[in-house]
Amino acid sequence: MSDTLANDLITPDVDAAPLLSQPGVSMLKAAPITRLSLRAREATLKDAGSAFGVELPVKPMTCNTGQKRAVLWMGPDEWTLLAPADDLKATFDAIEGKHESHSHALVDISERSEAVIVSGEKAVWLLNTGIFIDFSLETFPVGTVTRTIFHKSPVMVWRTGTDTFVVEAWVSFMDYVSGLLVQSARELEAA
């Protein structure tokens, strides 16, 4: 597995100013992407992966990536599929075409969530101000993904590099999440 996952998919939004930029840690708003939620049975996973272009992971808290594609394990029968923003219709139609005779749920959640990219040698410290997970590389290696709570907000955290994390939250919570991260970073800067 590459040390930096999805660097061709999860990229900074070039139209947005950095949310945080200080020695040791930065936070950038991620560019919009296609997000699909797939709920399906084990018998159809191979077809879904074939249609999407990336095999669906079956091991908890893992991901599989391909060129401009990522699949994140969210639960025993649930995955989040990520693709470029302009691939929504083609991706959706390809998966639906493979599953028309199988029970499943495929939902476009692209507008539901936003993501920020938190990176730098102090990224773990910053995330641990509101998430009580051991983010050491031994426990939470590159490629690990989980749902959790940041203070009082549900978030998804995906480690895409040694010192790089994607933090995703619902649009209605993102100002709260990013605001608390910036506030916590001020404490780091003062220390």
C-alpha atoms as a PDB file:
ATOM      1  CA  MET A   1       0.000   0.000   0.000  1.00  0.00           C
ATOM      2  CA  SER A   2       1.297   3.435  -0.868  1.00  0.00           C
ATOM      3  CA  ASP A   3       2.372   5.782   1.917  1.00  0.00           C
ATOM      4  CA  THR A   4      -0.011   8.392   0.537  1.00  0.00           C
ATOM      5  CA  LEU A   5      -3.421   7.098  -0.503  1.00  0.00           C
ATOM      6  CA  ALA A   6      -5.863   8.866  -2.781  1.00  0.00           C
ATOM      7  CA  ASN A   7      -3.558  11.810  -3.459  1.00  0.00           C
ATOM      8  CA  ASP A   8      -5.103  11.938  -6.944  1.00  0.00           C
ATOM      9  CA  LEU A   9      -8.642  11.986  -5.505  1.00  0.00           C
ATOM     10  CA  ILE A  10      -8.652  13.854  -2.186  1.00  0.00           C
ATOM     11  CA  THR A  11      -7.097  17.186  -3.104  1.00  0.00           C
ATOM     12  CA  PRO A  12      -7.275  20.672  -1.610  1.00  0.00           C
ATOM     13  CA  ASP A  13     -10.007  22.957  -2.900  1.00  0.00           C
ATOM     14  CA  VAL A  14      -8.037  25.496  -4.957  1.00  0.00           C
ATOM     15  CA  ASP A  15     -10.777  28.106  -4.458  1.00  0.00           C
ATOM     16  CA  ALA A  16     -10.604  27.942  -0.638  1.00  0.00           C
ATOM     17  CA  ALA A  17      -8.054  29.626   1.591  1.00  0.00           C
ATOM     18  CA  PRO A  18      -6.230  27.377   4.067  1.00  0.00           C
ATOM     19  CA  LEU A  19      -8.273  26.916   7.230  1.00  0.00           C
ATOM     20  CA  LEU A  20      -5.085  26.507   9.251  1.00  0.00           C
ATOM     21  CA  SER A  21      -1.429  26.946   8.416  1.00  0.00           C
ATOM     22  CA  GLN A  22       1.165  26.901  11.159  1.00  0.00           C
ATOM     23  CA  PRO A  23       4.420  25.089  11.815  1.00  0.00           C
ATOM     24  CA  GLY A  24       3.712  21.412  12.326  1.00  0.00           C
ATOM     25  CA  VAL A  25       0.091  21.302  11.166  1.00  0.00           C
ATOM     26  CA  SER A  26      -2.161  22.540   8.393  1.00  0.00           C
ATOM     27  CA  MET A  27      -5.805  22.112   7.488  1.00  0.00           C
ATOM     28  CA  LEU A  28      -7.170  22.559   3.992  1.00  0.00           C
ATOM     29  CA  LYS A  29     -10.709  22.219   2.715  1.00  0.00           C
ATOM     30  CA  ALA A  30     -10.924  19.267   0.311  1.00  0.00           C
ATOM     31  CA  ALA A  31     -12.293  19.730  -3.192  1.00  0.00           C
ATOM     32  CA  PRO A  32     -15.790  18.353  -3.847  1.00  0.00           C
ATOM     33  CA  ILE A  33     -15.966  14.696  -4.905  1.00  0.00           C
ATOM     34  CA  THR A  34     -18.586  12.075  -5.701  1.00  0.00           C
ATOM     35  CA  ARG A  35     -19.628  10.149  -2.593  1.00  0.00           C
ATOM     36  CA  LEU A  36     -21.872   7.122  -2.887  1.00  0.00           C
ATOM     37  CA  SER A  37     -23.149   4.977  -0.037  1.00  0.00           C
ATOM     38  CA  LEU A  38     -23.532   1.328  -0.993  1.00  0.00           C
ATOM     39  CA  ARG A  39     -25.325  -1.267   1.112  1.00  0.00           C
ATOM     40  CA  ALA A  40     -25.116  -4.726  -0.412  1.00  0.00           C
ATOM     41  CA  ARG A  41     -24.853  -8.412   0.367  1.00  0.00           C
ATOM     42  CA  GLU A  42     -21.614 -10.365   0.140  1.00  0.00           C
ATOM     43  CA  ALA A  43     -22.685 -12.212  -3.029  1.00  0.00           C
ATOM     44  CA  THR A  44     -22.746  -8.952  -5.022  1.00  0.00           C
ATOM     45  CA  LEU A  45     -19.492  -7.366  -3.835  1.00  0.00           C
ATOM     46  CA  LYS A  46     -17.402  -8.613  -6.734  1.00  0.00           C
ATOM     47  CA  ASP A  47     -19.838  -7.137  -9.266  1.00  0.00           C
ATOM     48  CA  ALA A  48     -19.917  -3.813  -7.417  1.00  0.00           C
ATOM     49  CA  GLY A  49     -16.136  -3.649  -7.314  1.00  0.00           C
ATOM     50  CA  SER A  50     -15.907  -4.532 -10.989  1.00  0.00           C
ATOM     51  CA  ALA A  51     -18.404  -1.825 -11.915  1.00  0.00           C
ATOM     52  CA  PHE A  52     -16.651   0.771  -9.745  1.00  0.00           C
ATOM     53  CA  GLY A  53     -13.130  -0.173 -10.758  1.00  0.00           C
ATOM     54  CA  VAL A  54     -11.901  -0.953  -7.235  1.00  0.00           C
ATOM     55  CA  GLU A  55     -12.517  -4.080  -5.174  1.00  0.00           C
ATOM     56  CA  LEU A  56     -14.647  -3.525  -2.081  1.00  0.00           C
ATOM     57  CA  PRO A  57     -12.720  -4.197   1.144  1.00  0.00           C
ATOM     58  CA  VAL A  58     -14.215  -6.735   3.543  1.00  0.00           C
ATOM     59  CA  LYS A  59     -11.842  -6.207   6.474  1.00  0.00           C
ATOM     60  CA  PRO A  60     -13.130  -3.701   9.079  1.00  0.00           C
ATOM     61  CA  MET A  61     -11.652  -0.192   9.075  1.00  0.00           C
ATOM     62  CA  THR A  62      -9.851  -0.609   5.738  1.00  0.00           C
ATOM     63  CA  CYS A  63      -9.978   0.897   2.286  1.00  0.00           C
ATOM     64  CA  ASN A  64      -9.023  -0.016  -1.247  1.00  0.00           C
ATOM     65  CA  THR A  65      -7.863   2.591  -3.709  1.00  0.00           C
ATOM     66  CA  GLY A  66      -7.302   2.834  -7.428  1.00  0.00           C
ATOM     67  CA  GLN A  67      -6.665   5.640  -9.855  1.00  0.00           C
ATOM     68  CA  LYS A  68      -9.044   8.429  -8.810  1.00  0.00           C
ATOM     69  CA  ARG A  69     -11.158   5.923  -6.863  1.00  0.00           C
ATOM     70  CA  ALA A  70     -11.443   4.798  -3.240  1.00  0.00           C
ATOM     71  CA  VAL A  71     -13.748   2.437  -1.371  1.00  0.00           C
ATOM     72  CA  LEU A  72     -13.996   2.808   2.402  1.00  0.00           C
ATOM     73  CA  TRP A  73     -15.351   0.022   4.632  1.00  0.00           C
ATOM     74  CA  MET A  74     -18.065   1.521   6.845  1.00  0.00           C
ATOM     75  CA  GLY A  75     -19.693  -1.630   8.230  1.00  0.00           C
ATOM     76  CA  PRO A  76     -20.285  -5.319   7.492  1.00  0.00           C
ATOM     77  CA  ASP A  77     -22.545  -4.476   4.545  1.00  0.00           C
ATOM     78  CA  GLU A  78     -21.797  -0.791   3.964  1.00  0.00           C
ATOM     79  CA  TRP A  79     -19.172   1.062   1.906  1.00  0.00           C
ATOM     80  CA  THR A  80     -18.505   4.642   0.886  1.00  0.00           C
ATOM     81  CA  LEU A  81     -17.353   4.932  -2.726  1.00  0.00           C
ATOM     82  CA  LEU A  82     -15.336   8.017  -3.685  1.00  0.00           C
ATOM     83  CA  ALA A  83     -14.728   9.225  -7.239  1.00  0.00           C
ATOM     84  CA  PRO A  84     -14.128  12.528  -9.041  1.00  0.00           C
ATOM     85  CA  ALA A  85     -17.047  14.964  -8.853  1.00  0.00           C
ATOM     86  CA  ASP A  86     -17.742  14.758 -12.587  1.00  0.00           C
ATOM     87  CA  ASP A  87     -17.992  10.933 -12.512  1.00  0.00           C
ATOM     88  CA  LEU A  88     -21.214  10.789 -10.484  1.00  0.00           C
ATOM     89  CA  LYS A  89     -23.682   9.714 -13.166  1.00  0.00           C
ATOM     90  CA  ALA A  90     -21.386   7.240 -14.924  1.00  0.00           C
ATOM     91  CA  THR A  91     -20.319   5.655 -11.636  1.00  0.00           C
ATOM     92  CA  PHE A  92     -23.867   5.452 -10.297  1.00  0.00           C
ATOM     93  CA  ASP A  93     -25.226   3.975 -13.540  1.00  0.00           C
ATOM     94  CA  ALA A  94     -22.410   1.393 -13.813  1.00  0.00           C
ATOM     95  CA  ILE A  95     -23.035   0.062 -10.307  1.00  0.00           C
ATOM     96  CA  GLU A  96     -26.811   0.093 -10.702  1.00  0.00           C
ATOM     97  CA  GLY A  97     -26.450  -1.808 -13.995  1.00  0.00           C
ATOM     98  CA  LYS A  98     -24.537  -4.608 -12.247  1.00  0.00           C
ATOM     99  CA  HIS A  99     -27.019  -4.785  -9.364  1.00  0.00           C
ATOM    100  CA  GLU A 100     -30.417  -4.477 -11.051  1.00  0.00           C
ATOM    101  CA  SER A 101     -31.312  -8.086 -10.177  1.00  0.00           C
ATOM    102  CA  HIS A 102     -29.866  -7.989  -6.621  1.00  0.00           C
ATOM    103  CA  SER A 103     -31.232  -6.227  -3.550  1.00  0.00           C
ATOM    104  CA  HIS A 104     -29.007  -3.307  -2.568  1.00  0.00           C
ATOM    105  CA  ALA A 105     -29.100   0.382  -1.731  1.00  0.00           C
ATOM    106  CA  LEU A 106     -26.977   2.886  -3.651  1.00  0.00           C
ATOM    107  CA  VAL A 107     -27.400   6.497  -2.572  1.00  0.00           C
ATOM    108  CA  ASP A 108     -25.671   9.668  -3.747  1.00  0.00           C
ATOM    109  CA  ILE A 109     -24.386  11.389  -0.590  1.00  0.00           C
ATOM    110  CA  SER A 110     -22.085  13.839  -2.379  1.00  0.00           C
ATOM    111  CA  GLU A 111     -23.842  16.923  -1.037  1.00  0.00           C
ATOM    112  CA  ARG A 112     -24.221  15.557   2.510  1.00  0.00           C
ATOM    113  CA  SER A 113     -20.605  15.725   3.603  1.00  0.00           C
ATOM    114  CA  GLU A 114     -17.500  17.860   3.304  1.00  0.00           C
ATOM    115  CA  ALA A 115     -13.925  16.975   4.116  1.00  0.00           C
ATOM    116  CA  VAL A 116     -10.817  18.687   5.394  1.00  0.00           C
ATOM    117  CA  ILE A 117      -7.249  17.476   5.020  1.00  0.00           C
ATOM    118  CA  VAL A 118      -5.296  17.687   8.280  1.00  0.00           C
ATOM    119  CA  SER A 119      -1.565  17.168   7.837  1.00  0.00           C
ATOM    120  CA  GLY A 120       1.781  17.699   9.471  1.00  0.00           C
ATOM    121  CA  GLU A 121       3.822  16.312  12.334  1.00  0.00           C
ATOM    122  CA  LYS A 122       1.271  17.665  14.857  1.00  0.00           C
ATOM    123  CA  ALA A 123      -1.811  16.313  13.031  1.00  0.00           C
ATOM    124  CA  VAL A 124      -2.281  13.464  15.517  1.00  0.00           C
ATOM    125  CA  TRP A 125      -2.033  15.866  18.459  1.00  0.00           C
ATOM    126  CA  LEU A 126      -4.633  18.122  16.856  1.00  0.00           C
ATOM    127  CA  LEU A 127      -7.091  15.298  16.136  1.00  0.00           C
ATOM    128  CA  ASN A 128      -6.656  13.939  19.667  1.00  0.00           C
ATOM    129  CA  THR A 129      -7.997  17.210  21.091  1.00  0.00           C
ATOM    130  CA  GLY A 130     -11.470  15.930  20.221  1.00  0.00           C
ATOM    131  CA  ILE A 131     -11.099  12.275  19.206  1.00  0.00           C
ATOM    132  CA  PHE A 132      -9.949   9.748  21.766  1.00  0.00           C
ATOM    133  CA  ILE A 133      -8.393   7.181  19.440  1.00  0.00           C
ATOM    134  CA  ASP A 134      -4.803   5.982  19.383  1.00  0.00           C
ATOM    135  CA  PHE A 135      -3.603   7.373  16.045  1.00  0.00           C
ATOM    136  CA  SER A 136      -0.113   5.878  16.317  1.00  0.00           C
ATOM    137  CA  LEU A 137       1.042   4.291  13.060  1.00  0.00           C
ATOM    138  CA  GLU A 138       1.167   0.878  14.738  1.00  0.00           C
ATOM    139  CA  THR A 139      -2.477   1.065  15.832  1.00  0.00           C
ATOM    140  CA  PHE A 140      -3.957   3.251  13.078  1.00  0.00           C
ATOM    141  CA  PRO A 141      -1.774   2.646   9.985  1.00  0.00           C
ATOM    142  CA  VAL A 142      -2.043   4.387   6.631  1.00  0.00           C
ATOM    143  CA  GLY A 143      -5.276   3.259   4.982  1.00  0.00           C
ATOM    144  CA  THR A 144      -7.271   2.897   8.201  1.00  0.00           C
ATOM    145  CA  VAL A 145     -10.716   4.484   8.223  1.00  0.00           C
ATOM    146  CA  THR A 146     -13.285   4.773  11.010  1.00  0.00           C
ATOM    147  CA  ARG A 147     -16.393   6.565  12.065  1.00  0.00           C
ATOM    148  CA  THR A 148     -16.130   8.287  15.417  1.00  0.00           C
ATOM    149  CA  ILE A 149     -17.128  11.408  17.337  1.00  0.00           C
ATOM    150  CA  PHE A 150     -15.185  14.682  17.337  1.00  0.00           C
ATOM    151  CA  HIS A 151     -16.378  16.467  20.472  1.00  0.00           C
ATOM    152  CA  LYS A 152     -20.137  16.111  19.791  1.00  0.00           C
ATOM    153  CA  SER A 153     -20.091  15.713  16.015  1.00  0.00           C
ATOM    154  CA  PRO A 154     -20.065  12.450  14.064  1.00  0.00           C
ATOM    155  CA  VAL A 155     -17.047  12.320  11.740  1.00  0.00           C
ATOM    156  CA  MET A 156     -15.198   9.885   9.535  1.00  0.00           C
ATOM    157  CA  VAL A 157     -11.397   9.816   9.849  1.00  0.00           C
ATOM    158  CA  TRP A 158      -9.227   8.257   7.148  1.00  0.00           C
ATOM    159  CA  ARG A 159      -5.444   8.150   7.413  1.00  0.00           C
ATOM    160  CA  THR A 160      -4.148   8.745   3.893  1.00  0.00           C
ATOM    161  CA  GLY A 161      -0.474   9.262   4.752  1.00  0.00           C
ATOM    162  CA  THR A 162       1.958   9.016   7.640  1.00  0.00           C
ATOM    163  CA  ASP A 163       1.034  12.530   8.826  1.00  0.00           C
ATOM    164  CA  THR A 164      -2.100  13.114   6.722  1.00  0.00           C
ATOM    165  CA  PHE A 165      -5.744  12.529   7.603  1.00  0.00           C
ATOM    166  CA  VAL A 166      -9.025  13.209   5.845  1.00  0.00           C
ATOM    167  CA  VAL A 167     -11.723  14.254   8.296  1.00  0.00           C
ATOM    168  CA  GLU A 168     -15.231  14.175   6.864  1.00  0.00           C
ATOM    169  CA  ALA A 169     -18.360  15.554   8.524  1.00  0.00           C
ATOM    170  CA  TRP A 170     -21.845  16.416   7.457  1.00  0.00           C
ATOM    171  CA  VAL A 171     -22.014  19.887   5.890  1.00  0.00           C
ATOM    172  CA  SER A 172     -24.106  21.167   8.811  1.00  0.00           C
ATOM    173  CA  PHE A 173     -21.368  20.115  11.285  1.00  0.00           C
ATOM    174  CA  MET A 174     -18.245  21.082   9.336  1.00  0.00           C
ATOM    175  CA  ASP A 175     -18.020  24.671  10.616  1.00  0.00           C
ATOM    176  CA  TYR A 176     -18.202  23.299  14.169  1.00  0.00           C
ATOM    177  CA  VAL A 177     -15.552  20.629  13.512  1.00  0.00           C
ATOM    178  CA  SER A 178     -13.133  22.854  11.594  1.00  0.00           C
ATOM    179  CA  GLY A 179     -13.667  25.723  14.034  1.00  0.00           C
ATOM    180  CA  LEU A 180     -12.757  23.547  17.020  1.00  0.00           C
ATOM    181  CA  LEU A 181      -9.695  22.222  15.194  1.00  0.00           C
ATOM    182  CA  VAL A 182      -8.522  25.785  14.488  1.00  0.00           C
ATOM    183  CA  GLN A 183      -9.192  26.790  18.100  1.00  0.00           C
ATOM    184  CA  SER A 184      -7.223  23.784  19.386  1.00  0.00           C
ATOM    185  CA  ALA A 185      -4.358  24.611  17.032  1.00  0.00           C
ATOM    186  CA  ARG A 186      -4.085  28.027  18.691  1.00  0.00           C
ATOM    187  CA  GLU A 187      -3.359  26.205  21.938  1.00  0.00           C
ATOM    188  CA  LEU A 188      -0.648  24.215  20.155  1.00  0.00           C
ATOM    189  CA  GLU A 189       0.832  27.427  18.777  1.00  0.00           C
ATOM    190  CA  ALA A 190       0.827  29.003  22.242  1.00  0.00           C
ATOM    191  CA  ALA A 191       2.550  25.994  23.837  1.00  0.00           C
END
